[in-house]
């Protein structure tokens, strides 16, 4: 199920009030999503401030988000861990915690996020969140951007997150390029929805359209959702090319392309 796109206070109200018996996503532009399951609300890589080169208006004011339970940041780059989004969002949502790679904790502190509001993680670790009798699990897997850049003390600086909501698993890769064992590490989670970047053209450090579609097929994802395009002038990939590729080359793969501020509930199948 999808709805018309909204923005501002009407989008805030929709996220707060919509009954979400199935996991429901709202695309916030670039790699940003809101995710609601039952009474729990998460924000994934939100970037809602007027950063340079932004061409798509942010649909929300982070200072107006008072309902967040968790905020997930995949890595320390500005469009994924944005201080002008995180600081006001966490101030407005007093119960929210920021989940982030352990190597990025000091960077988040420099952005105005106190250590007391952080939960650090790394590959193969799990974060559990309980609220009003419901719970979700967040698993972390390495992402390559464009290398894994693992260190013994810092772990993996670029992570993807697998969010388990009831019987549904949503994979948000963050920034990533293909690397050996990525698909093998994801298959055990039985991914229902894969949120994957598609702007890896002209040397960009992300999947191309073809690579994103290929990974979704390799891991058996029921749905693939393109992201990381359109919000900034540096992204030159249009979603129409993704749609054309899917219809022509992978007609059996289901996919969803969002309008900014649009909601979509993961179908039950």
C-alpha atoms as a PDB file:
ATOM      1  CA  UNK A   1       0.000   0.000   0.000  1.00  0.00           C
ATOM      2  CA  UNK A   2       1.305   3.471  -0.827  1.00  0.00           C
ATOM      3  CA  UNK A   3       0.009   6.964  -0.146  1.00  0.00           C
ATOM      4  CA  UNK A   4       0.421  10.369  -1.694  1.00  0.00           C
ATOM      5  CA  UNK A   5       3.658  12.080  -0.799  1.00  0.00           C
ATOM      6  CA  UNK A   6       3.542  14.544   2.073  1.00  0.00           C
ATOM      7  CA  UNK A   7       5.936  16.939   3.728  1.00  0.00           C
ATOM      8  CA  UNK A   8       6.320  19.013   6.862  1.00  0.00           C
ATOM      9  CA  UNK A   9       3.786  18.707   9.666  1.00  0.00           C
ATOM     10  CA  UNK A  10       1.401  16.589   7.572  1.00  0.00           C
ATOM     11  CA  UNK A  11       4.161  14.016   7.050  1.00  0.00           C
ATOM     12  CA  UNK A  12       5.024  14.065  10.764  1.00  0.00           C
ATOM     13  CA  UNK A  13       1.342  13.466  11.585  1.00  0.00           C
ATOM     14  CA  UNK A  14       1.093  10.648   9.065  1.00  0.00           C
ATOM     15  CA  UNK A  15       4.121   8.833  10.493  1.00  0.00           C
ATOM     16  CA  UNK A  16       2.834   9.221  14.037  1.00  0.00           C
ATOM     17  CA  UNK A  17      -0.780   8.253  13.361  1.00  0.00           C
ATOM     18  CA  UNK A  18      -0.686   5.641  10.596  1.00  0.00           C
ATOM     19  CA  UNK A  19      -1.430   2.105  11.882  1.00  0.00           C
ATOM     20  CA  UNK A  20       1.536   0.010  10.748  1.00  0.00           C
ATOM     21  CA  UNK A  21       0.877  -3.677  11.328  1.00  0.00           C
ATOM     22  CA  UNK A  22       3.306  -4.316   8.492  1.00  0.00           C
ATOM     23  CA  UNK A  23       6.632  -2.440   8.313  1.00  0.00           C
ATOM     24  CA  UNK A  24       6.051   0.878   6.536  1.00  0.00           C
ATOM     25  CA  UNK A  25       8.691   3.061   4.882  1.00  0.00           C
ATOM     26  CA  UNK A  26       8.772   6.737   3.947  1.00  0.00           C
ATOM     27  CA  UNK A  27      11.555   7.941   1.644  1.00  0.00           C
ATOM     28  CA  UNK A  28      13.119  11.200   2.867  1.00  0.00           C
ATOM     29  CA  UNK A  29      15.431  11.711  -0.111  1.00  0.00           C
ATOM     30  CA  UNK A  30      18.975  10.443  -0.816  1.00  0.00           C
ATOM     31  CA  UNK A  31      19.532   7.455   1.540  1.00  0.00           C
ATOM     32  CA  UNK A  32      17.092   8.627   4.196  1.00  0.00           C
ATOM     33  CA  UNK A  33      14.029   6.658   5.284  1.00  0.00           C
ATOM     34  CA  UNK A  34      11.585   6.638   8.148  1.00  0.00           C
ATOM     35  CA  UNK A  35      10.493   3.143   9.161  1.00  0.00           C
ATOM     36  CA  UNK A  36       7.520   2.370  11.399  1.00  0.00           C
ATOM     37  CA  UNK A  37       6.516  -1.009  12.742  1.00  0.00           C
ATOM     38  CA  UNK A  38       3.631  -1.125  15.233  1.00  0.00           C
ATOM     39  CA  UNK A  39       4.487   1.713  17.667  1.00  0.00           C
ATOM     40  CA  UNK A  40       8.240   1.891  16.884  1.00  0.00           C
ATOM     41  CA  UNK A  41       9.674   4.577  14.611  1.00  0.00           C
ATOM     42  CA  UNK A  42      13.192   4.520  13.187  1.00  0.00           C
ATOM     43  CA  UNK A  43      15.093   6.946  10.980  1.00  0.00           C
ATOM     44  CA  UNK A  44      17.719   5.523   8.617  1.00  0.00           C
ATOM     45  CA  UNK A  45      20.533   7.805   7.381  1.00  0.00           C
ATOM     46  CA  UNK A  46      18.389  10.954   7.686  1.00  0.00           C
ATOM     47  CA  UNK A  47      19.902  14.009   5.985  1.00  0.00           C
ATOM     48  CA  UNK A  48      17.425  16.844   6.383  1.00  0.00           C
ATOM     49  CA  UNK A  49      19.559  20.000   6.499  1.00  0.00           C
ATOM     50  CA  UNK A  50      20.280  22.429   3.634  1.00  0.00           C
ATOM     51  CA  UNK A  51      23.687  21.018   2.711  1.00  0.00           C
ATOM     52  CA  UNK A  52      25.527  22.404  -0.343  1.00  0.00           C
ATOM     53  CA  UNK A  53      24.409  20.999  -3.706  1.00  0.00           C
ATOM     54  CA  UNK A  54      20.981  19.955  -2.344  1.00  0.00           C
ATOM     55  CA  UNK A  55      18.408  20.180  -5.126  1.00  0.00           C
ATOM     56  CA  UNK A  56      15.551  18.207  -3.528  1.00  0.00           C
ATOM     57  CA  UNK A  57      13.990  19.992  -0.574  1.00  0.00           C
ATOM     58  CA  UNK A  58      14.100  18.023   2.655  1.00  0.00           C
ATOM     59  CA  UNK A  59      10.570  16.877   3.520  1.00  0.00           C
ATOM     60  CA  UNK A  60      10.970  17.277   7.295  1.00  0.00           C
ATOM     61  CA  UNK A  61      12.398  19.681   9.853  1.00  0.00           C
ATOM     62  CA  UNK A  62      14.501  17.483  12.163  1.00  0.00           C
ATOM     63  CA  UNK A  63      13.626  19.681  15.158  1.00  0.00           C
ATOM     64  CA  UNK A  64       9.951  18.735  14.640  1.00  0.00           C
ATOM     65  CA  UNK A  65      10.596  14.981  14.897  1.00  0.00           C
ATOM     66  CA  UNK A  66       9.555  14.159  18.452  1.00  0.00           C
ATOM     67  CA  UNK A  67       8.644  10.508  18.003  1.00  0.00           C
ATOM     68  CA  UNK A  68      11.910   8.774  17.026  1.00  0.00           C
ATOM     69  CA  UNK A  69      12.913   5.621  18.886  1.00  0.00           C
ATOM     70  CA  UNK A  70      16.138   4.879  16.994  1.00  0.00           C
ATOM     71  CA  UNK A  71      18.253   6.721  14.439  1.00  0.00           C
ATOM     72  CA  UNK A  72      20.625   4.631  12.324  1.00  0.00           C
ATOM     73  CA  UNK A  73      23.719   6.087  10.644  1.00  0.00           C
ATOM     74  CA  UNK A  74      25.620   3.774   8.316  1.00  0.00           C
ATOM     75  CA  UNK A  75      28.879   5.765   8.298  1.00  0.00           C
ATOM     76  CA  UNK A  76      30.419   9.121   9.106  1.00  0.00           C
ATOM     77  CA  UNK A  77      30.060  10.928   5.769  1.00  0.00           C
ATOM     78  CA  UNK A  78      28.008  14.115   5.942  1.00  0.00           C
ATOM     79  CA  UNK A  79      25.003  12.983   3.904  1.00  0.00           C
ATOM     80  CA  UNK A  80      24.583   9.930   6.127  1.00  0.00           C
ATOM     81  CA  UNK A  81      25.625  11.343   9.505  1.00  0.00           C
ATOM     82  CA  UNK A  82      24.529  14.977   9.317  1.00  0.00           C
ATOM     83  CA  UNK A  83      25.075  16.991  12.481  1.00  0.00           C
ATOM     84  CA  UNK A  84      22.442  19.567  11.580  1.00  0.00           C
ATOM     85  CA  UNK A  85      19.947  16.730  11.370  1.00  0.00           C
ATOM     86  CA  UNK A  86      21.068  14.527  14.246  1.00  0.00           C
ATOM     87  CA  UNK A  87      21.530  17.139  16.990  1.00  0.00           C
ATOM     88  CA  UNK A  88      18.051  18.737  16.712  1.00  0.00           C
ATOM     89  CA  UNK A  89      16.366  15.385  16.035  1.00  0.00           C
ATOM     90  CA  UNK A  90      17.838  13.781  19.154  1.00  0.00           C
ATOM     91  CA  UNK A  91      17.031  16.853  21.226  1.00  0.00           C
ATOM     92  CA  UNK A  92      13.398  16.736  20.079  1.00  0.00           C
ATOM     93  CA  UNK A  93      13.135  12.943  20.549  1.00  0.00           C
ATOM     94  CA  UNK A  94      14.424  12.395  24.097  1.00  0.00           C
ATOM     95  CA  UNK A  95      14.146   8.581  24.068  1.00  0.00           C
ATOM     96  CA  UNK A  96      15.935   8.134  20.740  1.00  0.00           C
ATOM     97  CA  UNK A  97      19.411   6.645  20.455  1.00  0.00           C
ATOM     98  CA  UNK A  98      21.825   6.854  17.561  1.00  0.00           C
ATOM     99  CA  UNK A  99      23.097   3.494  16.255  1.00  0.00           C
ATOM    100  CA  UNK A 100      26.394   3.913  14.435  1.00  0.00           C
ATOM    101  CA  UNK A 101      29.692   2.177  13.618  1.00  0.00           C
ATOM    102  CA  UNK A 102      31.947   2.159  16.669  1.00  0.00           C
ATOM    103  CA  UNK A 103      34.718   3.913  14.732  1.00  0.00           C
ATOM    104  CA  UNK A 104      32.383   6.896  14.112  1.00  0.00           C
ATOM    105  CA  UNK A 105      31.582   7.652  17.755  1.00  0.00           C
ATOM    106  CA  UNK A 106      34.090  10.487  18.178  1.00  0.00           C
ATOM    107  CA  UNK A 107      32.970  12.030  14.893  1.00  0.00           C
ATOM    108  CA  UNK A 108      29.359  11.954  16.086  1.00  0.00           C
ATOM    109  CA  UNK A 109      30.476  13.593  19.328  1.00  0.00           C
ATOM    110  CA  UNK A 110      32.037  16.408  17.289  1.00  0.00           C
ATOM    111  CA  UNK A 111      28.637  16.893  15.609  1.00  0.00           C
ATOM    112  CA  UNK A 112      26.938  17.474  18.962  1.00  0.00           C
ATOM    113  CA  UNK A 113      25.744  13.950  19.793  1.00  0.00           C
ATOM    114  CA  UNK A 114      26.743  12.986  23.363  1.00  0.00           C
ATOM    115  CA  UNK A 115      28.114   9.509  24.019  1.00  0.00           C
ATOM    116  CA  UNK A 116      25.119   8.864  26.275  1.00  0.00           C
ATOM    117  CA  UNK A 117      22.818   8.956  23.229  1.00  0.00           C
ATOM    118  CA  UNK A 118      24.900   6.502  21.161  1.00  0.00           C
ATOM    119  CA  UNK A 119      24.816   2.746  20.707  1.00  0.00           C
ATOM    120  CA  UNK A 120      27.849   1.632  18.759  1.00  0.00           C
ATOM    121  CA  UNK A 121      27.909  -1.543  16.702  1.00  0.00           C
ATOM    122  CA  UNK A 122      29.992  -3.511  14.228  1.00  0.00           C
ATOM    123  CA  UNK A 123      29.687  -6.403  11.811  1.00  0.00           C
ATOM    124  CA  UNK A 124      28.059  -9.535  13.255  1.00  0.00           C
ATOM    125  CA  UNK A 125      26.670  -7.634  16.256  1.00  0.00           C
ATOM    126  CA  UNK A 126      22.992  -7.187  17.076  1.00  0.00           C
ATOM    127  CA  UNK A 127      21.080  -4.327  18.680  1.00  0.00           C
ATOM    128  CA  UNK A 128      17.648  -5.061  20.158  1.00  0.00           C
ATOM    129  CA  UNK A 129      14.987  -2.474  20.928  1.00  0.00           C
ATOM    130  CA  UNK A 130      11.840  -3.132  22.970  1.00  0.00           C
ATOM    131  CA  UNK A 131       8.868  -0.769  23.204  1.00  0.00           C
ATOM    132  CA  UNK A 132       5.267  -1.343  24.345  1.00  0.00           C
ATOM    133  CA  UNK A 133       5.548  -5.104  24.072  1.00  0.00           C
ATOM    134  CA  UNK A 134       7.086  -5.027  20.571  1.00  0.00           C
ATOM    135  CA  UNK A 135      10.691  -5.326  19.533  1.00  0.00           C
ATOM    136  CA  UNK A 136      12.985  -5.046  16.556  1.00  0.00           C
ATOM    137  CA  UNK A 137      16.492  -6.311  15.947  1.00  0.00           C
ATOM    138  CA  UNK A 138      19.204  -4.469  14.024  1.00  0.00           C
ATOM    139  CA  UNK A 139      22.047  -6.563  12.628  1.00  0.00           C
ATOM    140  CA  UNK A 140      25.145  -5.029  11.034  1.00  0.00           C
ATOM    141  CA  UNK A 141      27.095  -6.241   7.999  1.00  0.00           C
ATOM    142  CA  UNK A 142      30.151  -4.618   6.391  1.00  0.00           C
ATOM    143  CA  UNK A 143      29.792  -2.287   3.423  1.00  0.00           C
ATOM    144  CA  UNK A 144      32.642  -1.415   1.056  1.00  0.00           C
ATOM    145  CA  UNK A 145      32.985   2.279   0.247  1.00  0.00           C
ATOM    146  CA  UNK A 146      34.855   1.471  -1.929  1.00  0.00           C
ATOM    147  CA  UNK A 147      37.000  -0.737   0.364  1.00  0.00           C
ATOM    148  CA  UNK A 148      36.034  -2.391   3.637  1.00  0.00           C
ATOM    149  CA  UNK A 149      38.799  -0.474   5.505  1.00  0.00           C
ATOM    150  CA  UNK A 150      38.595  -2.732   8.552  1.00  0.00           C
ATOM    151  CA  UNK A 151      40.925  -2.084  11.492  1.00  0.00           C
ATOM    152  CA  UNK A 152      41.319  -4.242  14.621  1.00  0.00           C
ATOM    153  CA  UNK A 153      40.298  -1.430  16.968  1.00  0.00           C
ATOM    154  CA  UNK A 154      37.825   0.491  14.847  1.00  0.00           C
ATOM    155  CA  UNK A 155      36.105  -2.415  13.151  1.00  0.00           C
ATOM    156  CA  UNK A 156      34.257  -1.660   9.913  1.00  0.00           C
ATOM    157  CA  UNK A 157      33.685   2.073   9.325  1.00  0.00           C
ATOM    158  CA  UNK A 158      30.952   1.489   6.713  1.00  0.00           C
ATOM    159  CA  UNK A 159      28.002  -0.664   7.695  1.00  0.00           C
ATOM    160  CA  UNK A 160      24.772  -1.912   6.236  1.00  0.00           C
ATOM    161  CA  UNK A 161      21.875  -2.649   8.573  1.00  0.00           C
ATOM    162  CA  UNK A 162      19.379  -5.499   8.529  1.00  0.00           C
ATOM    163  CA  UNK A 163      16.282  -4.462  10.460  1.00  0.00           C
ATOM    164  CA  UNK A 164      14.139  -7.379  11.569  1.00  0.00           C
ATOM    165  CA  UNK A 165      10.507  -6.394  12.194  1.00  0.00           C
ATOM    166  CA  UNK A 166       8.379  -9.397  13.088  1.00  0.00           C
ATOM    167  CA  UNK A 167       8.776 -11.747  10.128  1.00  0.00           C
ATOM    168  CA  UNK A 168      10.155  -9.085   7.760  1.00  0.00           C
ATOM    169  CA  UNK A 169      13.791  -8.110   7.188  1.00  0.00           C
ATOM    170  CA  UNK A 170      14.717  -4.784   5.577  1.00  0.00           C
ATOM    171  CA  UNK A 171      18.317  -4.307   4.390  1.00  0.00           C
ATOM    172  CA  UNK A 172      19.736  -0.783   4.121  1.00  0.00           C
ATOM    173  CA  UNK A 173      23.204  -1.015   2.587  1.00  0.00           C
ATOM    174  CA  UNK A 174      24.362   2.556   3.175  1.00  0.00           C
ATOM    175  CA  UNK A 175      27.028   3.394   0.605  1.00  0.00           C
ATOM    176  CA  UNK A 176      28.425   0.209  -0.878  1.00  0.00           C
ATOM    177  CA  UNK A 177      30.024  -1.426  -3.894  1.00  0.00           C
ATOM    178  CA  UNK A 178      29.998  -5.179  -4.562  1.00  0.00           C
ATOM    179  CA  UNK A 179      32.645  -7.223  -2.775  1.00  0.00           C
ATOM    180  CA  UNK A 180      33.278 -10.952  -2.296  1.00  0.00           C
ATOM    181  CA  UNK A 181      31.056 -12.561   0.329  1.00  0.00           C
ATOM    182  CA  UNK A 182      28.542  -9.691   0.482  1.00  0.00           C
ATOM    183  CA  UNK A 183      25.717 -11.767  -0.963  1.00  0.00           C
ATOM    184  CA  UNK A 184      26.716 -14.787   1.130  1.00  0.00           C
ATOM    185  CA  UNK A 185      26.624 -12.707   4.310  1.00  0.00           C
ATOM    186  CA  UNK A 186      23.124 -11.439   3.491  1.00  0.00           C
ATOM    187  CA  UNK A 187      21.387 -14.644   2.369  1.00  0.00           C
ATOM    188  CA  UNK A 188      20.908 -16.099   5.877  1.00  0.00           C
ATOM    189  CA  UNK A 189      18.733 -13.107   6.822  1.00  0.00           C
ATOM    190  CA  UNK A 190      16.081 -13.840   4.137  1.00  0.00           C
ATOM    191  CA  UNK A 191      15.845 -10.201   3.053  1.00  0.00           C
ATOM    192  CA  UNK A 192      12.343  -9.070   2.125  1.00  0.00           C
ATOM    193  CA  UNK A 193      13.217  -5.514   1.058  1.00  0.00           C
ATOM    194  CA  UNK A 194      16.648  -4.323  -0.120  1.00  0.00           C
ATOM    195  CA  UNK A 195      17.259  -0.551  -0.042  1.00  0.00           C
ATOM    196  CA  UNK A 196      20.223  -0.100  -2.402  1.00  0.00           C
ATOM    197  CA  UNK A 197      22.072   2.898  -3.918  1.00  0.00           C
ATOM    198  CA  UNK A 198      22.024   3.126  -7.716  1.00  0.00           C
ATOM    199  CA  UNK A 199      24.304   6.085  -8.453  1.00  0.00           C
ATOM    200  CA  UNK A 200      27.574   4.211  -9.014  1.00  0.00           C
ATOM    201  CA  UNK A 201      28.296   5.830 -12.363  1.00  0.00           C
ATOM    202  CA  UNK A 202      31.343   7.853 -13.411  1.00  0.00           C
ATOM    203  CA  UNK A 203      33.531   6.636 -10.567  1.00  0.00           C
ATOM    204  CA  UNK A 204      30.978   7.039  -7.758  1.00  0.00           C
ATOM    205  CA  UNK A 205      31.574   4.638  -4.877  1.00  0.00           C
ATOM    206  CA  UNK A 206      28.237   2.842  -5.006  1.00  0.00           C
ATOM    207  CA  UNK A 207      26.344   0.145  -6.857  1.00  0.00           C
ATOM    208  CA  UNK A 208      25.377   0.811 -10.437  1.00  0.00           C
ATOM    209  CA  UNK A 209      21.791   0.125 -11.430  1.00  0.00           C
ATOM    210  CA  UNK A 210      22.868  -3.242 -12.796  1.00  0.00           C
ATOM    211  CA  UNK A 211      24.858  -4.178  -9.686  1.00  0.00           C
ATOM    212  CA  UNK A 212      22.008  -3.251  -7.334  1.00  0.00           C
ATOM    213  CA  UNK A 213      19.562  -5.375  -9.330  1.00  0.00           C
ATOM    214  CA  UNK A 214      22.075  -8.207  -9.425  1.00  0.00           C
ATOM    215  CA  UNK A 215      22.620  -8.187  -5.660  1.00  0.00           C
ATOM    216  CA  UNK A 216      18.879  -8.233  -5.007  1.00  0.00           C
ATOM    217  CA  UNK A 217      18.597 -11.313  -7.205  1.00  0.00           C
ATOM    218  CA  UNK A 218      21.597 -13.012  -5.566  1.00  0.00           C
ATOM    219  CA  UNK A 219      20.168 -12.677  -2.070  1.00  0.00           C
ATOM    220  CA  UNK A 220      16.617 -13.512  -3.090  1.00  0.00           C
ATOM    221  CA  UNK A 221      15.166 -10.179  -1.979  1.00  0.00           C
ATOM    222  CA  UNK A 222      11.433 -10.049  -2.586  1.00  0.00           C
ATOM    223  CA  UNK A 223      11.548  -6.295  -3.248  1.00  0.00           C
ATOM    224  CA  UNK A 224      14.311  -3.901  -4.254  1.00  0.00           C
ATOM    225  CA  UNK A 225      14.080  -0.149  -3.617  1.00  0.00           C
ATOM    226  CA  UNK A 226      16.554   2.270  -5.266  1.00  0.00           C
ATOM    227  CA  UNK A 227      18.028   5.136  -3.239  1.00  0.00           C
ATOM    228  CA  UNK A 228      20.935   7.606  -3.160  1.00  0.00           C
ATOM    229  CA  UNK A 229      19.849   9.698  -6.126  1.00  0.00           C
ATOM    230  CA  UNK A 230      18.003  12.899  -6.875  1.00  0.00           C
ATOM    231  CA  UNK A 231      18.561  14.885  -3.686  1.00  0.00           C
ATOM    232  CA  UNK A 232      21.934  16.394  -4.586  1.00  0.00           C
ATOM    233  CA  UNK A 233      23.303  17.842  -7.816  1.00  0.00           C
ATOM    234  CA  UNK A 234      26.230  15.402  -7.738  1.00  0.00           C
ATOM    235  CA  UNK A 235      23.876  12.469  -8.391  1.00  0.00           C
ATOM    236  CA  UNK A 236      23.237  12.107 -12.115  1.00  0.00           C
ATOM    237  CA  UNK A 237      21.308   8.837 -12.165  1.00  0.00           C
ATOM    238  CA  UNK A 238      17.584   9.071 -12.824  1.00  0.00           C
ATOM    239  CA  UNK A 239      15.158   6.462 -11.454  1.00  0.00           C
ATOM    240  CA  UNK A 240      13.747   5.930 -14.941  1.00  0.00           C
ATOM    241  CA  UNK A 241      16.939   4.098 -15.920  1.00  0.00           C
ATOM    242  CA  UNK A 242      16.468   1.773 -12.952  1.00  0.00           C
ATOM    243  CA  UNK A 243      12.837   1.136 -13.953  1.00  0.00           C
ATOM    244  CA  UNK A 244      13.817   0.443 -17.576  1.00  0.00           C
ATOM    245  CA  UNK A 245      16.502  -2.010 -16.483  1.00  0.00           C
ATOM    246  CA  UNK A 246      14.184  -3.878 -14.138  1.00  0.00           C
ATOM    247  CA  UNK A 247      11.355  -4.161 -16.658  1.00  0.00           C
ATOM    248  CA  UNK A 248      13.613  -5.235 -19.510  1.00  0.00           C
ATOM    249  CA  UNK A 249      16.280  -7.324 -17.768  1.00  0.00           C
ATOM    250  CA  UNK A 250      14.652  -8.606 -14.557  1.00  0.00           C
ATOM    251  CA  UNK A 251      10.897  -8.647 -15.154  1.00  0.00           C
ATOM    252  CA  UNK A 252      10.230 -11.135 -12.339  1.00  0.00           C
ATOM    253  CA  UNK A 253      11.879  -8.958  -9.669  1.00  0.00           C
ATOM    254  CA  UNK A 254       9.452  -6.755  -7.751  1.00  0.00           C
ATOM    255  CA  UNK A 255      10.560  -3.211  -7.034  1.00  0.00           C
ATOM    256  CA  UNK A 256       9.306   0.040  -5.554  1.00  0.00           C
ATOM    257  CA  UNK A 257      10.380   3.548  -6.606  1.00  0.00           C
ATOM    258  CA  UNK A 258       9.421   6.260  -4.121  1.00  0.00           C
ATOM    259  CA  UNK A 259       8.412   9.854  -4.420  1.00  0.00           C
ATOM    260  CA  UNK A 260       9.995  11.910  -1.633  1.00  0.00           C
ATOM    261  CA  UNK A 261       7.634  11.840   1.353  1.00  0.00           C
ATOM    262  CA  UNK A 262       5.615   8.890   0.027  1.00  0.00           C
ATOM    263  CA  UNK A 263       4.836   5.932   2.255  1.00  0.00           C
ATOM    264  CA  UNK A 264       4.779   2.247   1.358  1.00  0.00           C
ATOM    265  CA  UNK A 265       3.793  -0.714   3.528  1.00  0.00           C
ATOM    266  CA  UNK A 266       5.665  -3.939   2.829  1.00  0.00           C
ATOM    267  CA  UNK A 267       3.155  -6.430   1.392  1.00  0.00           C
ATOM    268  CA  UNK A 268       2.461  -9.654   3.236  1.00  0.00           C
ATOM    269  CA  UNK A 269       3.956 -12.334   0.996  1.00  0.00           C
END
